C-alpha cells in the first residue's frame, strides 16, 4: 500500500502541473503586437520625463546658484 502512495504522489503532482500549464496558456489573451509595443514605449517615456516637482527643484537650484554667483565680489 505504501508503494502505491509513493506512485500516486508524483502522478497527482504531474497532473496538477499539466492542469496549471493548460490554465495559464488559455487564460492569457493574445495582444496586438503594435499595441503592446506602443504601451511599452509609453511606459518607458514615463521614466524619461521629469516630474513637475523635479523641474521646480531644478529651477530653485539654478536660481540659488545664480544668486550665489551674483553675490561674489
PDB file of N, CA and C in Angstrom:
ATOM      1  N   UNK A   1       0.815  -1.199   0.000  1.00  0.00           N
ATOM      2  CA  UNK A   1       0.000   0.000   0.000  1.00  0.00           C
ATOM      3  C   UNK A   1       0.857   1.260   0.000  1.00  0.00           C
ATOM      4  N   UNK A   2       1.950   1.248   0.763  1.00  0.00           N
ATOM      5  CA  UNK A   2       2.794   2.436   0.805  1.00  0.00           C
ATOM      6  C   UNK A   2       3.476   2.679  -0.545  1.00  0.00           C
ATOM      7  N   UNK A   3       3.768   1.614  -1.296  1.00  0.00           N
ATOM      8  CA  UNK A   3       4.360   1.789  -2.622  1.00  0.00           C
ATOM      9  C   UNK A   3       3.371   2.478  -3.551  1.00  0.00           C
ATOM     10  N   UNK A   4       2.094   2.146  -3.409  1.00  0.00           N
ATOM     11  CA  UNK A   4       1.061   2.782  -4.220  1.00  0.00           C
ATOM     12  C   UNK A   4       0.995   4.277  -3.939  1.00  0.00           C
ATOM     13  N   UNK A   5       1.110   4.646  -2.657  1.00  0.00           N
ATOM     14  CA  UNK A   5       1.088   6.069  -2.286  1.00  0.00           C
ATOM     15  C   UNK A   5       2.277   6.784  -2.915  1.00  0.00           C
ATOM     16  N   UNK A   6       3.449   6.173  -2.905  1.00  0.00           N
ATOM     17  CA  UNK A   6       4.626   6.817  -3.477  1.00  0.00           C
ATOM     18  C   UNK A   6       4.537   6.932  -4.992  1.00  0.00           C
ATOM     19  N   UNK A   7       3.729   6.146  -5.627  1.00  0.00           N
ATOM     20  CA  UNK A   7       3.496   6.298  -7.062  1.00  0.00           C
ATOM     21  C   UNK A   7       2.405   7.327  -7.330  1.00  0.00           C
ATOM     22  N   UNK A   8       1.436   7.437  -6.432  1.00  0.00           N
ATOM     23  CA  UNK A   8       0.326   8.363  -6.654  1.00  0.00           C
ATOM     24  C   UNK A   8       0.716   9.821  -6.430  1.00  0.00           C
ATOM     25  N   UNK A   9       1.615  10.079  -5.484  1.00  0.00           N
ATOM     26  CA  UNK A   9       2.024  11.464  -5.204  1.00  0.00           C
ATOM     27  C   UNK A   9       2.628  12.126  -6.440  1.00  0.00           C
ATOM     28  N   UNK A  10       3.624  11.518  -7.104  1.00  0.00           N
ATOM     29  CA  UNK A  10       4.150  12.157  -8.313  1.00  0.00           C
ATOM     30  C   UNK A  10       3.137  12.204  -9.457  1.00  0.00           C
ATOM     31  N   UNK A  11       2.263  11.199  -9.515  1.00  0.00           N
ATOM     32  CA  UNK A  11       1.239  11.195 -10.563  1.00  0.00           C
ATOM     33  C   UNK A  11       0.302  12.386 -10.398  1.00  0.00           C
ATOM     34  N   UNK A  12      -0.182  12.613  -9.169  1.00  0.00           N
ATOM     35  CA  UNK A  12      -1.057  13.758  -8.927  1.00  0.00           C
ATOM     36  C   UNK A  12      -0.315  15.082  -9.113  1.00  0.00           C
ATOM     37  N   UNK A  13       0.952  15.136  -8.743  1.00  0.00           N
ATOM     38  CA  UNK A  13       1.736  16.354  -8.944  1.00  0.00           C
ATOM     39  C   UNK A  13       1.875  16.644 -10.434  1.00  0.00           C
ATOM     40  N   UNK A  14       2.105  15.629 -11.226  1.00  0.00           N
ATOM     41  CA  UNK A  14       2.247  15.809 -12.671  1.00  0.00           C
ATOM     42  C   UNK A  14       0.916  16.251 -13.294  1.00  0.00           C
ATOM     43  N   UNK A  15      -0.164  15.641 -12.871  1.00  0.00           N
ATOM     44  CA  UNK A  15      -1.483  16.029 -13.378  1.00  0.00           C
ATOM     45  C   UNK A  15      -1.805  17.468 -12.973  1.00  0.00           C
ATOM     46  N   UNK A  16      -1.492  17.830 -11.748  1.00  0.00           N
ATOM     47  CA  UNK A  16      -1.708  19.212 -11.308  1.00  0.00           C
ATOM     48  C   UNK A  16      -0.871  20.202 -12.100  1.00  0.00           C
ATOM     49  N   UNK A  17       0.376  19.845 -12.393  1.00  0.00           N
ATOM     50  CA  UNK A  17       1.232  20.726 -13.186  1.00  0.00           C
ATOM     51  C   UNK A  17       0.686  20.880 -14.593  1.00  0.00           C
ATOM     52  N   UNK A  18       0.211  19.811 -15.190  1.00  0.00           N
ATOM     53  CA  UNK A  18      -0.360  19.887 -16.541  1.00  0.00           C
ATOM     54  C   UNK A  18      -1.618  20.755 -16.565  1.00  0.00           C
ATOM     55  N   UNK A  19      -2.448  20.618 -15.538  1.00  0.00           N
ATOM     56  CA  UNK A  19      -3.657  21.457 -15.459  1.00  0.00           C
ATOM     57  C   UNK A  19      -3.273  22.923 -15.306  1.00  0.00           C
ATOM     58  N   UNK A  20      -2.273  23.215 -14.489  1.00  0.00           N
ATOM     59  CA  UNK A  20      -1.830  24.600 -14.303  1.00  0.00           C
ATOM     60  C   UNK A  20      -1.280  25.178 -15.608  1.00  0.00           C
ATOM     61  N   UNK A  21      -0.478  24.418 -16.321  1.00  0.00           N
ATOM     62  CA  UNK A  21       0.080  24.907 -17.594  1.00  0.00           C
ATOM     63  C   UNK A  21      -1.041  25.157 -18.586  1.00  0.00           C
ATOM     64  N   UNK A  22      -1.988  24.230 -18.685  1.00  0.00           N
ATOM     65  CA  UNK A  22      -3.113  24.412 -19.601  1.00  0.00           C
ATOM     66  C   UNK A  22      -3.909  25.663 -19.238  1.00  0.00           C
ATOM     67  N   UNK A  23      -4.161  25.873 -17.938  1.00  0.00           N
ATOM     68  CA  UNK A  23      -4.916  27.035 -17.498  1.00  0.00           C
ATOM     69  C   UNK A  23      -4.167  28.332 -17.779  1.00  0.00           C
ATOM     70  N   UNK A  24      -2.856  28.357 -17.532  1.00  0.00           N
ATOM     71  CA  UNK A  24      -2.095  29.587 -17.727  1.00  0.00           C
ATOM     72  C   UNK A  24      -1.980  29.952 -19.203  1.00  0.00           C
ATOM     73  N   UNK A  25      -1.937  28.951 -20.068  1.00  0.00           N
ATOM     74  CA  UNK A  25      -1.845  29.236 -21.504  1.00  0.00           C
ATOM     75  C   UNK A  25      -3.182  29.731 -22.037  1.00  0.00           C
ATOM     76  N   UNK A  26      -4.276  29.135 -21.614  1.00  0.00           N
ATOM     77  CA  UNK A  26      -5.581  29.538 -22.129  1.00  0.00           C
ATOM     78  C   UNK A  26      -6.085  30.821 -21.484  1.00  0.00           C
ATOM     79  N   UNK A  27      -5.599  31.170 -20.307  1.00  0.00           N
ATOM     80  CA  UNK A  27      -6.080  32.364 -19.609  1.00  0.00           C
ATOM     81  C   UNK A  27      -5.507  33.643 -20.207  1.00  0.00           C
ATOM     82  N   UNK A  28      -4.370  33.551 -20.878  1.00  0.00           N
ATOM     83  CA  UNK A  28      -3.751  34.752 -21.437  1.00  0.00           C
ATOM     84  C   UNK A  28      -4.458  35.143 -22.732  1.00  0.00           C
ATOM     85  N   UNK A  29      -4.737  36.433 -22.850  1.00  0.00           N
ATOM     86  CA  UNK A  29      -5.320  36.949 -24.078  1.00  0.00           C
ATOM     87  C   UNK A  29      -4.201  37.335 -25.023  1.00  0.00           C
ATOM     88  N   UNK A  30      -4.372  36.995 -26.260  1.00  0.00           N
ATOM     89  CA  UNK A  30      -3.389  37.406 -27.263  1.00  0.00           C
ATOM     90  C   UNK A  30      -3.560  38.896 -27.517  1.00  0.00           C
ATOM     91  N   UNK A  31      -2.431  39.617 -27.536  1.00  0.00           N
ATOM     92  CA  UNK A  31      -2.479  41.059 -27.744  1.00  0.00           C
ATOM     93  C   UNK A  31      -1.942  41.400 -29.120  1.00  0.00           C
ATOM     94  N   UNK A  32      -2.402  42.519 -29.613  1.00  0.00           N
ATOM     95  CA  UNK A  32      -1.872  43.040 -30.852  1.00  0.00           C
ATOM     96  C   UNK A  32      -0.434  43.489 -30.595  1.00  0.00           C
ATOM     97  N   UNK A  33       0.493  43.076 -31.439  1.00  0.00           N
ATOM     98  CA  UNK A  33       1.907  43.381 -31.223  1.00  0.00           C
ATOM     99  C   UNK A  33       2.165  44.880 -31.226  1.00  0.00           C
ATOM    100  N   UNK A  34       1.555  45.594 -32.161  1.00  0.00           N
ATOM    101  CA  UNK A  34       1.790  47.034 -32.263  1.00  0.00           C
ATOM    102  C   UNK A  34       1.227  47.768 -31.051  1.00  0.00           C
ATOM    103  N   UNK A  35       0.082  47.318 -30.566  1.00  0.00           N
ATOM    104  CA  UNK A  35      -0.490  47.938 -29.368  1.00  0.00           C
ATOM    105  C   UNK A  35       0.404  47.674 -28.167  1.00  0.00           C
ATOM    106  N   UNK A  36       0.927  46.474 -28.074  1.00  0.00           N
ATOM    107  CA  UNK A  36       1.801  46.120 -26.967  1.00  0.00           C
ATOM    108  C   UNK A  36       3.081  46.953 -26.994  1.00  0.00           C
ATOM    109  N   UNK A  37       3.649  47.137 -28.177  1.00  0.00           N
ATOM    110  CA  UNK A  37       4.866  47.949 -28.305  1.00  0.00           C
ATOM    111  C   UNK A  37       4.569  49.399 -27.950  1.00  0.00           C
ATOM    112  N   UNK A  38       3.431  49.910 -28.370  1.00  0.00           N
ATOM    113  CA  UNK A  38       3.065  51.294 -28.047  1.00  0.00           C
ATOM    114  C   UNK A  38       2.892  51.472 -26.541  1.00  0.00           C
ATOM    115  N   UNK A  39       2.285  50.493 -25.893  1.00  0.00           N
ATOM    116  CA  UNK A  39       2.134  50.579 -24.437  1.00  0.00           C
ATOM    117  C   UNK A  39       3.483  50.543 -23.737  1.00  0.00           C
ATOM    118  N   UNK A  40       4.405  49.736 -24.250  1.00  0.00           N
ATOM    119  CA  UNK A  40       5.744  49.669 -23.667  1.00  0.00           C
ATOM    120  C   UNK A  40       6.483  50.989 -23.859  1.00  0.00           C
ATOM    121  N   UNK A  41       6.376  51.589 -25.024  1.00  0.00           N
ATOM    122  CA  UNK A  41       7.023  52.883 -25.270  1.00  0.00           C
ATOM    123  C   UNK A  41       6.439  53.957 -24.363  1.00  0.00           C
ATOM    124  N   UNK A  42       5.149  53.920 -24.139  1.00  0.00           N
ATOM    125  CA  UNK A  42       4.513  54.871 -23.224  1.00  0.00           C
ATOM    126  C   UNK A  42       5.041  54.678 -21.807  1.00  0.00           C
ATOM    127  N   UNK A  43       5.201  53.429 -21.407  1.00  0.00           N
ATOM    128  CA  UNK A  43       5.740  53.115 -20.086  1.00  0.00           C
ATOM    129  C   UNK A  43       7.167  53.637 -19.956  1.00  0.00           C
ATOM    130  N   UNK A  44       7.996  53.410 -20.981  1.00  0.00           N
ATOM    131  CA  UNK A  44       9.386  53.872 -20.947  1.00  0.00           C
ATOM    132  C   UNK A  44       9.481  55.388 -20.919  1.00  0.00           C
ATOM    133  N   UNK A  45       8.625  56.058 -21.682  1.00  0.00           N
ATOM    134  CA  UNK A  45       8.688  57.517 -21.743  1.00  0.00           C
ATOM    135  C   UNK A  45       8.325  58.143 -20.402  1.00  0.00           C
ATOM    136  N   UNK A  46       7.520  57.451 -19.611  1.00  0.00           N
ATOM    137  CA  UNK A  46       7.149  57.977 -18.294  1.00  0.00           C
ATOM    138  C   UNK A  46       8.375  58.107 -17.398  1.00  0.00           C
ATOM    139  N   UNK A  47       9.356  57.235 -17.565  1.00  0.00           N
ATOM    140  CA  UNK A  47      10.566  57.308 -16.757  1.00  0.00           C
ATOM    141  C   UNK A  47      11.514  58.385 -17.262  1.00  0.00           C
ATOM    142  N   UNK A  48      11.421  58.730 -18.533  1.00  0.00           N
ATOM    143  CA  UNK A  48      12.321  59.728 -19.102  1.00  0.00           C
ATOM    144  C   UNK A  48      11.853  61.151 -18.825  1.00  0.00           C
ATOM    145  N   UNK A  49      10.560  61.323 -18.593  1.00  0.00           N
ATOM    146  CA  UNK A  49      10.027  62.656 -18.328  1.00  0.00           C
ATOM    147  C   UNK A  49      10.337  63.055 -16.895  1.00  0.00           C
ATOM    148  N   UNK A  50      10.666  64.323 -16.716  1.00  0.00           N
ATOM    149  CA  UNK A  50      10.871  64.823 -15.359  1.00  0.00           C
ATOM    150  C   UNK A  50       9.517  65.205 -14.790  1.00  0.00           C
ATOM    151  N   UNK A  51       9.340  64.956 -13.544  1.00  0.00           N
ATOM    152  CA  UNK A  51       8.090  65.337 -12.895  1.00  0.00           C
ATOM    153  C   UNK A  51       8.093  66.845 -12.665  1.00  0.00           C
ATOM    154  N   UNK A  52       6.926  67.393 -12.446  1.00  0.00           N
ATOM    155  CA  UNK A  52       6.803  68.835 -12.197  1.00  0.00           C
ATOM    156  C   UNK A  52       7.562  69.215 -10.934  1.00  0.00           C
ATOM    157  N   UNK A  53       7.529  68.336  -9.938  1.00  0.00           N
ATOM    158  CA  UNK A  53       8.238  68.612  -8.691  1.00  0.00           C
ATOM    159  C   UNK A  53       9.745  68.676  -8.933  1.00  0.00           C
ATOM    160  N   UNK A  54      10.265  67.747  -9.728  1.00  0.00           N
ATOM    161  CA  UNK A  54      11.698  67.740 -10.023  1.00  0.00           C
ATOM    162  C   UNK A  54      12.087  68.976 -10.824  1.00  0.00           C
ATOM    163  N   UNK A  55      11.230  69.405 -11.760  1.00  0.00           N
ATOM    164  CA  UNK A  55      11.523  70.614 -12.526  1.00  0.00           C
ATOM    165  C   UNK A  55      11.563  71.829 -11.609  1.00  0.00           C
ATOM    166  N   UNK A  56      10.668  71.898 -10.624  1.00  0.00           N
ATOM    167  CA  UNK A  56      10.674  73.005  -9.664  1.00  0.00           C
ATOM    168  C   UNK A  56      11.963  73.002  -8.845  1.00  0.00           C
ATOM    169  N   UNK A  57      12.375  71.818  -8.403  1.00  0.00           N
ATOM    170  CA  UNK A  57      13.608  71.723  -7.624  1.00  0.00           C
ATOM    171  C   UNK A  57      14.812  72.153  -8.462  1.00  0.00           C
ATOM    172  N   UNK A  58      14.843  71.751  -9.729  1.00  0.00           N
ATOM    173  CA  UNK A  58      15.939  72.157 -10.612  1.00  0.00           C
ATOM    174  C   UNK A  58      15.942  73.665 -10.815  1.00  0.00           C
ATOM    175  N   UNK A  59      14.760  74.255 -10.965  1.00  0.00           N
ATOM    176  CA  UNK A  59      14.654  75.704 -11.153  1.00  0.00           C
ATOM    177  C   UNK A  59      15.147  76.434  -9.908  1.00  0.00           C
ATOM    178  N   UNK A  60      14.748  75.975  -8.727  1.00  0.00           N
ATOM    179  CA  UNK A  60      15.199  76.611  -7.482  1.00  0.00           C
ATOM    180  C   UNK A  60      16.713  76.478  -7.316  1.00  0.00           C
ATOM    181  N   UNK A  61      17.229  75.318  -7.656  1.00  0.00           N
ATOM    182  CA  UNK A  61      18.676  75.113  -7.542  1.00  0.00           C
ATOM    183  C   UNK A  61      19.426  76.047  -8.493  1.00  0.00           C
ATOM    184  N   UNK A  62      18.922  76.197  -9.697  1.00  0.00           N
ATOM    185  CA  UNK A  62      19.553  77.094 -10.665  1.00  0.00           C
ATOM    186  C   UNK A  62      19.490  78.542 -10.183  1.00  0.00           C
ATOM    187  N   UNK A  63      18.332  78.952  -9.613  1.00  0.00           N
ATOM    188  CA  UNK A  63      18.199  80.318  -9.096  1.00  0.00           C
ATOM    189  C   UNK A  63      19.137  80.550  -7.919  1.00  0.00           C
ATOM    190  N   UNK A  64      19.252  79.561  -7.036  1.00  0.00           N
ATOM    191  CA  UNK A  64      20.172  79.692  -5.908  1.00  0.00           C
ATOM    192  C   UNK A  64      21.607  79.827  -6.386  1.00  0.00           C
ATOM    193  N   UNK A  65      21.981  79.054  -7.384  1.00  0.00           N
ATOM    194  CA  UNK A  65      23.334  79.118  -7.924  1.00  0.00           C
ATOM    195  C   UNK A  65      23.605  80.491  -8.543  1.00  0.00           C
ATOM    196  N   UNK A  66      22.617  81.021  -9.267  1.00  0.00           N
ATOM    197  CA  UNK A  66      22.778  82.345  -9.861  1.00  0.00           C
ATOM    198  C   UNK A  66      22.889  83.416  -8.782  1.00  0.00           C
ATOM    199  N   UNK A  67      22.097  83.281  -7.703  1.00  0.00           N
ATOM    200  CA  UNK A  67      22.147  84.248  -6.613  1.00  0.00           C
ATOM    201  C   UNK A  67      23.541  84.228  -5.951  1.00  0.00           C
ATOM    202  N   UNK A  68      24.083  83.029  -5.752  1.00  0.00           N
ATOM    203  CA  UNK A  68      25.413  82.932  -5.149  1.00  0.00           C
ATOM    204  C   UNK A  68      26.478  83.538  -6.060  1.00  0.00           C
ATOM    205  N   UNK A  69      26.311  83.337  -7.356  1.00  0.00           N
ATOM    206  CA  UNK A  69      27.289  83.917  -8.294  1.00  0.00           C
ATOM    207  C   UNK A  69      27.192  85.430  -8.318  1.00  0.00           C
ATOM    208  N   UNK A  70      25.973  85.984  -8.174  1.00  0.00           N
ATOM    209  CA  UNK A  70      25.792  87.437  -8.166  1.00  0.00           C
ATOM    210  C   UNK A  70      26.384  88.059  -6.916  1.00  0.00           C
ATOM    211  N   UNK A  71      26.378  87.352  -5.797  1.00  0.00           N
ATOM    212  CA  UNK A  71      26.899  87.875  -4.537  1.00  0.00           C
ATOM    213  C   UNK A  71      28.421  87.841  -4.469  1.00  0.00           C
ATOM    214  N   UNK A  72      29.051  87.084  -5.326  1.00  0.00           N
ATOM    215  CA  UNK A  72      30.513  87.012  -5.286  1.00  0.00           C
ATOM    216  C   UNK A  72      31.102  88.365  -5.643  1.00  0.00           C
ATOM    217  N   UNK A  73      32.175  88.768  -4.911  1.00  0.00           N
ATOM    218  CA  UNK A  73      32.773  90.090  -5.201  1.00  0.00           C
ATOM    219  C   UNK A  73      33.563  90.109  -6.480  1.00  0.00           C
TER     220      UNK A  73
END
